[in-house]
Amino acid sequence: MQVTKTIIPANSELARGIVIAKNFRAYAYNLKKRLAYYREWQKSYNDNPCDTFKLCLDNARHMALNEVASLHRLISNMPEYVNHPDFIKANSIAESIKALA
């Protein structure tokens, strides 16, 4: 069996699209982690509303909102990717975070 490799020029539109898709997938993954982290601290705070849990909940909220802001900065620089499926997925998670926070 022979393996063939396709070389994609680094400055091509396809290469840019691949990088963008990977970035959106990374944002979706990070946003999911941030959302889970936020929910975990929210549950802890609801079970025991002390200052320590409140501080951790605020910290989790700020980290999640910073991730959302980074995603929106990325798409504002490349509006042509707003209909990309990976961006749509990442953005739906971002909207969930904004609704909670």
N, C-alpha and C. Protein backbone atom coordinates (compact mmCIF):
# COMPACT_ATOMS: atom_id res chain seq x y z
N MET A 1 0.84 -1.18 0.00
CA MET A 1 0.00 0.00 0.00
C MET A 1 0.88 1.24 0.00
N GLN A 2 0.61 2.12 -0.90
CA GLN A 2 1.41 3.33 -1.02
C GLN A 2 0.64 4.51 -0.43
N VAL A 3 1.33 5.28 0.38
CA VAL A 3 0.73 6.45 1.00
C VAL A 3 1.15 7.68 0.19
N THR A 4 0.18 8.47 -0.16
CA THR A 4 0.49 9.71 -0.87
C THR A 4 0.19 10.89 0.04
N LYS A 5 0.99 11.89 -0.09
CA LYS A 5 0.80 13.10 0.70
C LYS A 5 0.43 14.24 -0.22
N THR A 6 -0.51 15.03 0.24
CA THR A 6 -0.88 16.22 -0.50
C THR A 6 -0.31 17.42 0.25
N ILE A 7 0.45 18.21 -0.44
CA ILE A 7 1.03 19.39 0.17
C ILE A 7 0.12 20.58 -0.13
N ILE A 8 -0.29 21.23 0.94
CA ILE A 8 -1.16 22.40 0.81
C ILE A 8 -0.30 23.64 1.02
N PRO A 9 -0.26 24.54 0.07
CA PRO A 9 0.53 25.77 0.26
C PRO A 9 0.07 26.53 1.50
N ALA A 10 1.03 26.99 2.28
CA ALA A 10 0.72 27.63 3.56
C ALA A 10 -0.12 28.89 3.40
N ASN A 11 0.00 29.56 2.27
CA ASN A 11 -0.74 30.82 2.10
C ASN A 11 -2.05 30.62 1.33
N SER A 12 -2.48 29.39 1.15
CA SER A 12 -3.71 29.13 0.41
C SER A 12 -4.95 29.31 1.28
N GLU A 13 -6.08 29.47 0.64
CA GLU A 13 -7.35 29.63 1.35
C GLU A 13 -7.71 28.35 2.10
N LEU A 14 -7.40 27.19 1.52
CA LEU A 14 -7.67 25.91 2.18
C LEU A 14 -6.88 25.79 3.48
N ALA A 15 -5.59 26.16 3.43
CA ALA A 15 -4.76 26.10 4.63
C ALA A 15 -5.31 27.04 5.70
N ARG A 16 -5.72 28.21 5.30
CA ARG A 16 -6.30 29.17 6.26
C ARG A 16 -7.59 28.61 6.86
N GLY A 17 -8.42 27.99 6.01
CA GLY A 17 -9.66 27.39 6.51
C GLY A 17 -9.41 26.28 7.51
N ILE A 18 -8.38 25.47 7.27
CA ILE A 18 -8.04 24.38 8.20
C ILE A 18 -7.60 24.95 9.53
N VAL A 19 -6.77 25.98 9.51
CA VAL A 19 -6.31 26.61 10.75
C VAL A 19 -7.48 27.22 11.51
N ILE A 20 -8.36 27.89 10.80
CA ILE A 20 -9.53 28.51 11.43
C ILE A 20 -10.42 27.45 12.07
N ALA A 21 -10.67 26.36 11.35
CA ALA A 21 -11.51 25.29 11.90
C ALA A 21 -10.89 24.71 13.17
N LYS A 22 -9.57 24.52 13.15
CA LYS A 22 -8.91 24.00 14.35
C LYS A 22 -9.03 24.99 15.50
N ASN A 23 -8.92 26.28 15.21
CA ASN A 23 -9.09 27.29 16.26
C ASN A 23 -10.49 27.24 16.85
N PHE A 24 -11.51 27.13 15.99
CA PHE A 24 -12.88 27.08 16.49
C PHE A 24 -13.11 25.82 17.32
N ARG A 25 -12.54 24.69 16.88
CA ARG A 25 -12.68 23.46 17.66
C ARG A 25 -12.01 23.60 19.02
N ALA A 26 -10.86 24.25 19.04
CA ALA A 26 -10.16 24.48 20.30
C ALA A 26 -10.99 25.39 21.21
N TYR A 27 -11.59 26.43 20.63
CA TYR A 27 -12.45 27.31 21.43
C TYR A 27 -13.66 26.55 21.97
N ALA A 28 -14.27 25.71 21.13
CA ALA A 28 -15.42 24.94 21.59
C ALA A 28 -15.02 24.04 22.76
N TYR A 29 -13.87 23.39 22.64
CA TYR A 29 -13.38 22.52 23.71
C TYR A 29 -13.12 23.33 24.99
N ASN A 30 -12.43 24.46 24.85
CA ASN A 30 -12.14 25.29 26.02
C ASN A 30 -13.41 25.85 26.65
N LEU A 31 -14.35 26.26 25.81
CA LEU A 31 -15.60 26.80 26.33
C LEU A 31 -16.38 25.73 27.08
N LYS A 32 -16.38 24.50 26.56
CA LYS A 32 -17.06 23.41 27.27
C LYS A 32 -16.43 23.19 28.64
N LYS A 33 -15.10 23.20 28.69
CA LYS A 33 -14.42 23.03 29.97
C LYS A 33 -14.76 24.16 30.92
N ARG A 34 -14.75 25.39 30.41
CA ARG A 34 -15.07 26.55 31.25
C ARG A 34 -16.52 26.49 31.76
N LEU A 35 -17.42 26.06 30.90
CA LEU A 35 -18.82 25.95 31.30
C LEU A 35 -18.99 24.89 32.39
N ALA A 36 -18.33 23.75 32.22
CA ALA A 36 -18.40 22.68 33.23
C ALA A 36 -17.80 23.17 34.55
N TYR A 37 -16.68 23.86 34.46
CA TYR A 37 -16.02 24.40 35.65
C TYR A 37 -16.92 25.39 36.36
N TYR A 38 -17.55 26.27 35.58
CA TYR A 38 -18.47 27.26 36.16
C TYR A 38 -19.64 26.56 36.85
N ARG A 39 -20.23 25.58 36.18
CA ARG A 39 -21.38 24.87 36.77
C ARG A 39 -20.99 24.13 38.05
N GLU A 40 -19.78 23.57 38.05
CA GLU A 40 -19.30 22.86 39.24
C GLU A 40 -19.20 23.81 40.43
N TRP A 41 -18.63 24.99 40.20
CA TRP A 41 -18.52 25.96 41.29
C TRP A 41 -19.87 26.54 41.67
N GLN A 42 -20.76 26.67 40.70
CA GLN A 42 -22.10 27.17 41.00
C GLN A 42 -22.83 26.19 41.91
N LYS A 43 -22.69 24.89 41.64
CA LYS A 43 -23.32 23.86 42.48
C LYS A 43 -22.72 23.90 43.89
N SER A 44 -21.38 24.03 43.96
CA SER A 44 -20.72 24.10 45.28
C SER A 44 -21.20 25.31 46.06
N TYR A 45 -21.35 26.43 45.36
CA TYR A 45 -21.80 27.64 46.03
C TYR A 45 -23.25 27.50 46.50
N ASN A 46 -24.08 26.87 45.67
CA ASN A 46 -25.48 26.68 46.06
C ASN A 46 -25.60 25.75 47.26
N ASP A 47 -24.72 24.75 47.34
CA ASP A 47 -24.73 23.81 48.47
C ASP A 47 -24.20 24.46 49.75
N ASN A 48 -23.24 25.36 49.59
CA ASN A 48 -22.61 25.99 50.76
C ASN A 48 -22.22 27.41 50.39
N PRO A 49 -23.13 28.38 50.54
CA PRO A 49 -22.85 29.75 50.08
C PRO A 49 -21.87 30.51 50.98
N CYS A 50 -20.60 30.11 50.91
CA CYS A 50 -19.59 30.82 51.70
C CYS A 50 -18.74 31.70 50.78
N ASP A 51 -17.93 32.55 51.37
CA ASP A 51 -17.13 33.51 50.60
C ASP A 51 -16.14 32.82 49.67
N THR A 52 -15.56 31.71 50.12
CA THR A 52 -14.57 31.00 49.29
C THR A 52 -15.20 30.50 48.01
N PHE A 53 -16.36 29.87 48.11
CA PHE A 53 -17.04 29.36 46.92
C PHE A 53 -17.52 30.51 46.04
N LYS A 54 -17.92 31.61 46.66
CA LYS A 54 -18.35 32.79 45.88
C LYS A 54 -17.18 33.34 45.08
N LEU A 55 -16.01 33.41 45.69
CA LEU A 55 -14.82 33.89 45.00
C LEU A 55 -14.46 32.96 43.83
N CYS A 56 -14.51 31.65 44.06
CA CYS A 56 -14.19 30.69 43.00
C CYS A 56 -15.23 30.75 41.88
N LEU A 57 -16.48 30.94 42.24
CA LEU A 57 -17.54 31.06 41.24
C LEU A 57 -17.32 32.31 40.38
N ASP A 58 -16.98 33.42 41.02
CA ASP A 58 -16.69 34.65 40.27
C ASP A 58 -15.50 34.46 39.34
N ASN A 59 -14.48 33.78 39.84
CA ASN A 59 -13.28 33.51 39.03
C ASN A 59 -13.64 32.64 37.82
N ALA A 60 -14.43 31.60 38.04
CA ALA A 60 -14.84 30.72 36.94
C ALA A 60 -15.66 31.49 35.91
N ARG A 61 -16.53 32.38 36.40
CA ARG A 61 -17.34 33.19 35.49
C ARG A 61 -16.46 34.11 34.65
N HIS A 62 -15.49 34.76 35.27
CA HIS A 62 -14.60 35.66 34.53
C HIS A 62 -13.78 34.90 33.49
N MET A 63 -13.28 33.71 33.86
CA MET A 63 -12.51 32.93 32.89
C MET A 63 -13.37 32.52 31.71
N ALA A 64 -14.60 32.12 31.97
CA ALA A 64 -15.50 31.72 30.89
C ALA A 64 -15.83 32.90 29.99
N LEU A 65 -16.11 34.04 30.58
CA LEU A 65 -16.44 35.22 29.78
C LEU A 65 -15.23 35.72 28.98
N ASN A 66 -14.03 35.57 29.53
CA ASN A 66 -12.82 35.93 28.77
C ASN A 66 -12.66 35.03 27.55
N GLU A 67 -12.96 33.75 27.72
CA GLU A 67 -12.88 32.81 26.59
C GLU A 67 -13.90 33.20 25.51
N VAL A 68 -15.10 33.59 25.94
CA VAL A 68 -16.13 34.03 25.00
C VAL A 68 -15.66 35.28 24.26
N ALA A 69 -15.08 36.23 24.99
CA ALA A 69 -14.59 37.46 24.36
C ALA A 69 -13.49 37.16 23.34
N SER A 70 -12.62 36.21 23.65
CA SER A 70 -11.56 35.83 22.71
C SER A 70 -12.15 35.25 21.43
N LEU A 71 -13.15 34.41 21.59
CA LEU A 71 -13.81 33.82 20.42
C LEU A 71 -14.43 34.92 19.56
N HIS A 72 -15.09 35.88 20.17
CA HIS A 72 -15.74 36.95 19.42
C HIS A 72 -14.73 37.89 18.77
N ARG A 73 -13.57 38.09 19.41
CA ARG A 73 -12.51 38.88 18.78
C ARG A 73 -11.99 38.16 17.53
N LEU A 74 -11.83 36.84 17.64
CA LEU A 74 -11.35 36.06 16.50
C LEU A 74 -12.31 36.19 15.32
N ILE A 75 -13.60 36.03 15.57
CA ILE A 75 -14.57 36.07 14.46
C ILE A 75 -14.74 37.50 13.94
N SER A 76 -14.55 38.50 14.78
CA SER A 76 -14.68 39.87 14.28
C SER A 76 -13.56 40.20 13.29
N ASN A 77 -12.43 39.52 13.41
CA ASN A 77 -11.34 39.72 12.45
C ASN A 77 -11.55 38.93 11.16
N MET A 78 -12.42 37.92 11.21
CA MET A 78 -12.67 37.07 10.03
C MET A 78 -14.16 36.79 9.87
N PRO A 79 -14.95 37.82 9.56
CA PRO A 79 -16.41 37.63 9.50
C PRO A 79 -16.86 36.64 8.44
N GLU A 80 -16.01 36.33 7.47
CA GLU A 80 -16.40 35.39 6.43
C GLU A 80 -16.57 33.96 6.97
N TYR A 81 -16.09 33.71 8.20
CA TYR A 81 -16.22 32.37 8.79
C TYR A 81 -17.38 32.26 9.77
N VAL A 82 -18.25 33.27 9.80
CA VAL A 82 -19.33 33.27 10.77
C VAL A 82 -20.31 32.10 10.58
N ASN A 83 -20.39 31.56 9.38
CA ASN A 83 -21.28 30.41 9.13
C ASN A 83 -20.56 29.08 9.16
N HIS A 84 -19.30 29.09 9.59
CA HIS A 84 -18.54 27.85 9.68
C HIS A 84 -19.14 26.97 10.78
N PRO A 85 -19.36 25.66 10.52
CA PRO A 85 -20.00 24.79 11.51
C PRO A 85 -19.27 24.75 12.86
N ASP A 86 -17.95 24.79 12.84
CA ASP A 86 -17.21 24.75 14.10
C ASP A 86 -17.37 26.05 14.88
N PHE A 87 -17.48 27.17 14.16
CA PHE A 87 -17.75 28.44 14.85
C PHE A 87 -19.15 28.43 15.44
N ILE A 88 -20.12 27.93 14.70
CA ILE A 88 -21.50 27.90 15.19
C ILE A 88 -21.58 27.07 16.47
N LYS A 89 -20.87 25.94 16.49
CA LYS A 89 -20.86 25.10 17.69
C LYS A 89 -20.22 25.84 18.87
N ALA A 90 -19.06 26.45 18.62
CA ALA A 90 -18.37 27.20 19.68
C ALA A 90 -19.23 28.36 20.16
N ASN A 91 -19.88 29.03 19.23
CA ASN A 91 -20.70 30.19 19.59
C ASN A 91 -21.93 29.78 20.40
N SER A 92 -22.51 28.61 20.11
CA SER A 92 -23.67 28.18 20.90
C SER A 92 -23.27 27.90 22.35
N ILE A 93 -22.07 27.34 22.54
CA ILE A 93 -21.57 27.13 23.90
C ILE A 93 -21.31 28.48 24.56
N ALA A 94 -20.76 29.42 23.79
CA ALA A 94 -20.50 30.76 24.31
C ALA A 94 -21.80 31.43 24.76
N GLU A 95 -22.86 31.26 23.99
CA GLU A 95 -24.15 31.84 24.37
C GLU A 95 -24.68 31.22 25.67
N SER A 96 -24.45 29.92 25.86
CA SER A 96 -24.84 29.26 27.11
C SER A 96 -24.10 29.86 28.29
N ILE A 97 -22.82 30.12 28.09
CA ILE A 97 -22.01 30.72 29.16
C ILE A 97 -22.52 32.12 29.48
N LYS A 98 -22.78 32.91 28.45
CA LYS A 98 -23.26 34.28 28.69
C LYS A 98 -24.61 34.26 29.40
N ALA A 99 -25.45 33.29 29.09
CA ALA A 99 -26.75 33.20 29.75
C ALA A 99 -26.58 32.85 31.24
N LEU A 100 -25.62 32.00 31.56
CA LEU A 100 -25.39 31.63 32.96
C LEU A 100 -24.71 32.74 33.74
N ALA A 101 -23.75 33.38 33.09
CA ALA A 101 -22.94 34.37 33.80
C ALA A 101 -23.63 35.71 33.77
